[in-house]
């Protein structure tokens, strides 16, 4: 009788552990969105310009996982809005013409998931550090507003806007 009771108690404990894991072990939507911002930072950053074709392919692959098909990007210094992943890949490639290295990170991130759990808004401070072609160290901190959409492939950035310094 003692052996059967031990097996039953063990089975119940395993079941409880699985339930706790299912409820608390999965990443939250906020954690998944934060991870997307981290992937974006890693994709954009570089320590050497390297081969343009290889960088373009790497950006294209990363951006497919990060950005929605209908991505719209507003960056005041660039004038008109950028639409589509391809234009963002081109922008990423252009950055190697002006910098020897570039590092992007996000700080002070605030994420609000919509009640439908299919959209989210995020605000963050983008910290861009670069070494110019001339060897000058530069840093620029800017507020960025993001709109995310939950797709079959997870959370993707649908729109972002870099806030002009005079609006911060």
C-alpha atoms as a PDB file:
ATOM      1  CA  UNK A   1       0.000   0.000   0.000  1.00  0.00           C
ATOM      2  CA  UNK A   2       2.840   2.434   0.800  1.00  0.00           C
ATOM      3  CA  UNK A   3       4.418   1.998  -2.625  1.00  0.00           C
ATOM      4  CA  UNK A   4       1.164   2.775  -4.465  1.00  0.00           C
ATOM      5  CA  UNK A   5       0.562   5.808  -2.330  1.00  0.00           C
ATOM      6  CA  UNK A   6       4.082   7.102  -3.089  1.00  0.00           C
ATOM      7  CA  UNK A   7       3.508   6.660  -6.856  1.00  0.00           C
ATOM      8  CA  UNK A   8       0.150   8.485  -6.609  1.00  0.00           C
ATOM      9  CA  UNK A   9       1.674  11.369  -4.629  1.00  0.00           C
ATOM     10  CA  UNK A  10       4.562  11.537  -7.105  1.00  0.00           C
ATOM     11  CA  UNK A  11       2.109  11.653 -10.015  1.00  0.00           C
ATOM     12  CA  UNK A  12       0.156  14.472  -8.386  1.00  0.00           C
ATOM     13  CA  UNK A  13       3.362  16.430  -7.740  1.00  0.00           C
ATOM     14  CA  UNK A  14       4.514  16.021 -11.353  1.00  0.00           C
ATOM     15  CA  UNK A  15       1.086  17.204 -12.520  1.00  0.00           C
ATOM     16  CA  UNK A  16       1.259  20.276 -10.292  1.00  0.00           C
ATOM     17  CA  UNK A  17       4.744  21.128 -11.517  1.00  0.00           C
ATOM     18  CA  UNK A  18       3.563  20.888 -15.148  1.00  0.00           C
ATOM     19  CA  UNK A  19       0.581  23.145 -14.426  1.00  0.00           C
ATOM     20  CA  UNK A  20       2.777  25.738 -12.697  1.00  0.00           C
ATOM     21  CA  UNK A  21       5.215  25.643 -15.608  1.00  0.00           C
ATOM     22  CA  UNK A  22       2.408  26.037 -18.150  1.00  0.00           C
ATOM     23  CA  UNK A  23       1.016  29.042 -16.320  1.00  0.00           C
ATOM     24  CA  UNK A  24       4.206  30.780 -15.156  1.00  0.00           C
ATOM     25  CA  UNK A  25       6.975  29.317 -17.310  1.00  0.00           C
ATOM     26  CA  UNK A  26       6.032  30.879 -20.639  1.00  0.00           C
ATOM     27  CA  UNK A  27       7.420  34.283 -21.506  1.00  0.00           C
ATOM     28  CA  UNK A  28       4.920  37.113 -21.210  1.00  0.00           C
ATOM     29  CA  UNK A  29       3.941  39.260 -24.182  1.00  0.00           C
ATOM     30  CA  UNK A  30       6.025  42.050 -22.692  1.00  0.00           C
ATOM     31  CA  UNK A  31       9.075  39.772 -22.492  1.00  0.00           C
ATOM     32  CA  UNK A  32       8.566  38.668 -26.105  1.00  0.00           C
ATOM     33  CA  UNK A  33       8.311  42.289 -27.283  1.00  0.00           C
ATOM     34  CA  UNK A  34      11.402  43.217 -25.301  1.00  0.00           C
ATOM     35  CA  UNK A  35      13.206  40.309 -26.993  1.00  0.00           C
ATOM     36  CA  UNK A  36      12.213  41.687 -30.410  1.00  0.00           C
ATOM     37  CA  UNK A  37      13.750  45.046 -29.527  1.00  0.00           C
ATOM     38  CA  UNK A  38      16.915  43.225 -28.459  1.00  0.00           C
ATOM     39  CA  UNK A  39      16.976  41.363 -31.799  1.00  0.00           C
ATOM     40  CA  UNK A  40      16.593  44.678 -33.625  1.00  0.00           C
ATOM     41  CA  UNK A  41      19.509  46.165 -31.688  1.00  0.00           C
ATOM     42  CA  UNK A  42      21.692  43.142 -32.435  1.00  0.00           C
ATOM     43  CA  UNK A  43      20.778  43.160 -36.139  1.00  0.00           C
ATOM     44  CA  UNK A  44      21.560  46.848 -36.631  1.00  0.00           C
ATOM     45  CA  UNK A  45      24.794  46.926 -34.599  1.00  0.00           C
ATOM     46  CA  UNK A  46      28.155  46.154 -36.199  1.00  0.00           C
ATOM     47  CA  UNK A  47      31.809  46.302 -35.187  1.00  0.00           C
ATOM     48  CA  UNK A  48      33.196  46.423 -38.738  1.00  0.00           C
ATOM     49  CA  UNK A  49      31.336  47.362 -41.925  1.00  0.00           C
ATOM     50  CA  UNK A  50      32.293  44.065 -43.586  1.00  0.00           C
ATOM     51  CA  UNK A  51      30.929  42.764 -46.853  1.00  0.00           C
ATOM     52  CA  UNK A  52      27.835  44.674 -48.052  1.00  0.00           C
ATOM     53  CA  UNK A  53      26.229  41.616 -49.646  1.00  0.00           C
ATOM     54  CA  UNK A  54      26.625  39.500 -46.516  1.00  0.00           C
ATOM     55  CA  UNK A  55      25.364  42.337 -44.310  1.00  0.00           C
ATOM     56  CA  UNK A  56      22.389  42.897 -46.606  1.00  0.00           C
ATOM     57  CA  UNK A  57      21.433  39.223 -46.445  1.00  0.00           C
ATOM     58  CA  UNK A  58      21.813  39.177 -42.667  1.00  0.00           C
ATOM     59  CA  UNK A  59      19.643  42.292 -42.292  1.00  0.00           C
ATOM     60  CA  UNK A  60      17.039  40.897 -44.672  1.00  0.00           C
ATOM     61  CA  UNK A  61      16.767  37.671 -42.660  1.00  0.00           C
ATOM     62  CA  UNK A  62      16.679  39.418 -39.297  1.00  0.00           C
ATOM     63  CA  UNK A  63      14.177  42.044 -40.435  1.00  0.00           C
ATOM     64  CA  UNK A  64      11.836  39.324 -41.720  1.00  0.00           C
ATOM     65  CA  UNK A  65      11.583  38.091 -38.124  1.00  0.00           C
ATOM     66  CA  UNK A  66      11.418  41.555 -36.538  1.00  0.00           C
ATOM     67  CA  UNK A  67       9.262  43.723 -38.807  1.00  0.00           C
ATOM     68  CA  UNK A  68       5.727  43.264 -40.110  1.00  0.00           C
ATOM     69  CA  UNK A  69       5.298  43.139 -43.913  1.00  0.00           C
ATOM     70  CA  UNK A  70       3.726  46.602 -43.846  1.00  0.00           C
ATOM     71  CA  UNK A  71       6.404  48.247 -41.666  1.00  0.00           C
ATOM     72  CA  UNK A  72       6.361  52.039 -41.687  1.00  0.00           C
ATOM     73  CA  UNK A  73       9.303  53.941 -40.214  1.00  0.00           C
ATOM     74  CA  UNK A  74       9.444  57.653 -39.505  1.00  0.00           C
ATOM     75  CA  UNK A  75      12.913  59.087 -38.937  1.00  0.00           C
ATOM     76  CA  UNK A  76      12.866  62.904 -39.077  1.00  0.00           C
ATOM     77  CA  UNK A  77      16.435  63.267 -40.351  1.00  0.00           C
ATOM     78  CA  UNK A  78      15.561  61.167 -43.394  1.00  0.00           C
ATOM     79  CA  UNK A  79      12.573  63.220 -44.482  1.00  0.00           C
ATOM     80  CA  UNK A  80       9.757  61.061 -45.770  1.00  0.00           C
ATOM     81  CA  UNK A  81       8.639  57.870 -44.060  1.00  0.00           C
ATOM     82  CA  UNK A  82      10.203  54.562 -45.043  1.00  0.00           C
ATOM     83  CA  UNK A  83       7.847  51.747 -46.001  1.00  0.00           C
ATOM     84  CA  UNK A  84       8.648  48.063 -46.219  1.00  0.00           C
ATOM     85  CA  UNK A  85      11.499  45.921 -45.007  1.00  0.00           C
ATOM     86  CA  UNK A  86      13.524  46.469 -48.145  1.00  0.00           C
ATOM     87  CA  UNK A  87      13.855  50.211 -47.504  1.00  0.00           C
ATOM     88  CA  UNK A  88      15.022  49.464 -43.948  1.00  0.00           C
ATOM     89  CA  UNK A  89      17.623  46.990 -45.219  1.00  0.00           C
ATOM     90  CA  UNK A  90      18.887  49.700 -47.583  1.00  0.00           C
ATOM     91  CA  UNK A  91      19.038  52.128 -44.667  1.00  0.00           C
ATOM     92  CA  UNK A  92      20.986  49.580 -42.616  1.00  0.00           C
ATOM     93  CA  UNK A  93      23.468  49.169 -45.439  1.00  0.00           C
ATOM     94  CA  UNK A  94      23.903  52.947 -45.750  1.00  0.00           C
ATOM     95  CA  UNK A  95      24.952  53.157 -42.107  1.00  0.00           C
ATOM     96  CA  UNK A  96      28.182  51.310 -42.937  1.00  0.00           C
ATOM     97  CA  UNK A  97      29.154  54.149 -45.301  1.00  0.00           C
ATOM     98  CA  UNK A  98      29.208  56.638 -42.431  1.00  0.00           C
ATOM     99  CA  UNK A  99      30.499  54.601 -39.511  1.00  0.00           C
ATOM    100  CA  UNK A 100      33.310  52.175 -38.713  1.00  0.00           C
ATOM    101  CA  UNK A 101      31.175  50.666 -35.985  1.00  0.00           C
ATOM    102  CA  UNK A 102      27.688  51.175 -34.627  1.00  0.00           C
ATOM    103  CA  UNK A 103      25.973  49.977 -31.491  1.00  0.00           C
ATOM    104  CA  UNK A 104      22.237  50.246 -30.834  1.00  0.00           C
ATOM    105  CA  UNK A 105      20.585  49.504 -27.511  1.00  0.00           C
ATOM    106  CA  UNK A 106      17.283  50.354 -25.902  1.00  0.00           C
ATOM    107  CA  UNK A 107      16.790  51.733 -22.400  1.00  0.00           C
ATOM    108  CA  UNK A 108      13.825  52.846 -20.307  1.00  0.00           C
ATOM    109  CA  UNK A 109      11.468  50.621 -22.267  1.00  0.00           C
ATOM    110  CA  UNK A 110       7.761  50.926 -21.474  1.00  0.00           C
ATOM    111  CA  UNK A 111       5.459  48.340 -23.087  1.00  0.00           C
ATOM    112  CA  UNK A 112       1.674  48.374 -23.043  1.00  0.00           C
ATOM    113  CA  UNK A 113      -0.116  45.383 -24.540  1.00  0.00           C
ATOM    114  CA  UNK A 114      -3.623  46.140 -25.835  1.00  0.00           C
ATOM    115  CA  UNK A 115      -6.647  44.526 -24.235  1.00  0.00           C
ATOM    116  CA  UNK A 116      -7.098  42.307 -27.293  1.00  0.00           C
ATOM    117  CA  UNK A 117      -3.512  41.015 -26.751  1.00  0.00           C
ATOM    118  CA  UNK A 118      -2.930  41.398 -30.527  1.00  0.00           C
ATOM    119  CA  UNK A 119      -1.381  44.880 -30.549  1.00  0.00           C
ATOM    120  CA  UNK A 120       1.043  46.693 -28.313  1.00  0.00           C
ATOM    121  CA  UNK A 121       2.708  50.061 -27.986  1.00  0.00           C
ATOM    122  CA  UNK A 122       6.218  50.558 -26.710  1.00  0.00           C
ATOM    123  CA  UNK A 123       8.309  53.596 -25.910  1.00  0.00           C
ATOM    124  CA  UNK A 124      12.041  53.372 -25.454  1.00  0.00           C
ATOM    125  CA  UNK A 125      15.200  55.415 -25.494  1.00  0.00           C
ATOM    126  CA  UNK A 126      17.370  54.322 -28.391  1.00  0.00           C
ATOM    127  CA  UNK A 127      21.041  54.713 -27.529  1.00  0.00           C
ATOM    128  CA  UNK A 128      23.174  54.850 -30.667  1.00  0.00           C
ATOM    129  CA  UNK A 129      26.934  54.840 -30.319  1.00  0.00           C
ATOM    130  CA  UNK A 130      29.109  55.074 -33.404  1.00  0.00           C
ATOM    131  CA  UNK A 131      32.676  55.574 -34.480  1.00  0.00           C
ATOM    132  CA  UNK A 132      32.630  57.700 -37.627  1.00  0.00           C
ATOM    133  CA  UNK A 133      34.792  57.016 -40.665  1.00  0.00           C
ATOM    134  CA  UNK A 134      37.052  59.816 -39.384  1.00  0.00           C
ATOM    135  CA  UNK A 135      37.425  58.041 -36.018  1.00  0.00           C
ATOM    136  CA  UNK A 136      35.203  60.317 -33.906  1.00  0.00           C
ATOM    137  CA  UNK A 137      33.125  58.741 -31.138  1.00  0.00           C
ATOM    138  CA  UNK A 138      29.497  59.822 -31.221  1.00  0.00           C
ATOM    139  CA  UNK A 139      26.470  59.026 -29.100  1.00  0.00           C
ATOM    140  CA  UNK A 140      22.875  59.983 -29.704  1.00  0.00           C
ATOM    141  CA  UNK A 141      19.974  59.133 -27.390  1.00  0.00           C
ATOM    142  CA  UNK A 142      16.494  59.451 -28.890  1.00  0.00           C
ATOM    143  CA  UNK A 143      12.984  58.488 -27.902  1.00  0.00           C
ATOM    144  CA  UNK A 144      11.342  55.947 -30.206  1.00  0.00           C
ATOM    145  CA  UNK A 145       7.681  54.947 -30.272  1.00  0.00           C
ATOM    146  CA  UNK A 146       6.801  51.487 -31.599  1.00  0.00           C
ATOM    147  CA  UNK A 147       3.564  49.790 -32.581  1.00  0.00           C
ATOM    148  CA  UNK A 148       3.641  45.991 -32.492  1.00  0.00           C
ATOM    149  CA  UNK A 149       1.234  43.482 -33.998  1.00  0.00           C
ATOM    150  CA  UNK A 150       0.909  39.880 -32.917  1.00  0.00           C
ATOM    151  CA  UNK A 151       1.095  37.594 -35.948  1.00  0.00           C
ATOM    152  CA  UNK A 152       1.200  33.837 -36.413  1.00  0.00           C
ATOM    153  CA  UNK A 153       4.991  34.215 -36.185  1.00  0.00           C
ATOM    154  CA  UNK A 154       4.910  36.206 -32.944  1.00  0.00           C
ATOM    155  CA  UNK A 155       5.202  39.911 -32.172  1.00  0.00           C
ATOM    156  CA  UNK A 156       6.419  42.103 -35.047  1.00  0.00           C
ATOM    157  CA  UNK A 157       7.053  45.809 -35.320  1.00  0.00           C
ATOM    158  CA  UNK A 158       4.409  47.361 -37.556  1.00  0.00           C
ATOM    159  CA  UNK A 159       5.434  50.993 -37.147  1.00  0.00           C
ATOM    160  CA  UNK A 160       8.045  53.075 -35.395  1.00  0.00           C
ATOM    161  CA  UNK A 161       8.716  56.758 -35.079  1.00  0.00           C
ATOM    162  CA  UNK A 162      11.932  58.372 -33.916  1.00  0.00           C
ATOM    163  CA  UNK A 163      10.918  61.457 -31.948  1.00  0.00           C
ATOM    164  CA  UNK A 164      12.626  64.683 -33.059  1.00  0.00           C
ATOM    165  CA  UNK A 165      14.775  66.267 -30.320  1.00  0.00           C
ATOM    166  CA  UNK A 166      12.504  69.324 -30.148  1.00  0.00           C
ATOM    167  CA  UNK A 167       9.502  67.113 -29.308  1.00  0.00           C
ATOM    168  CA  UNK A 168      11.149  65.107 -26.509  1.00  0.00           C
END
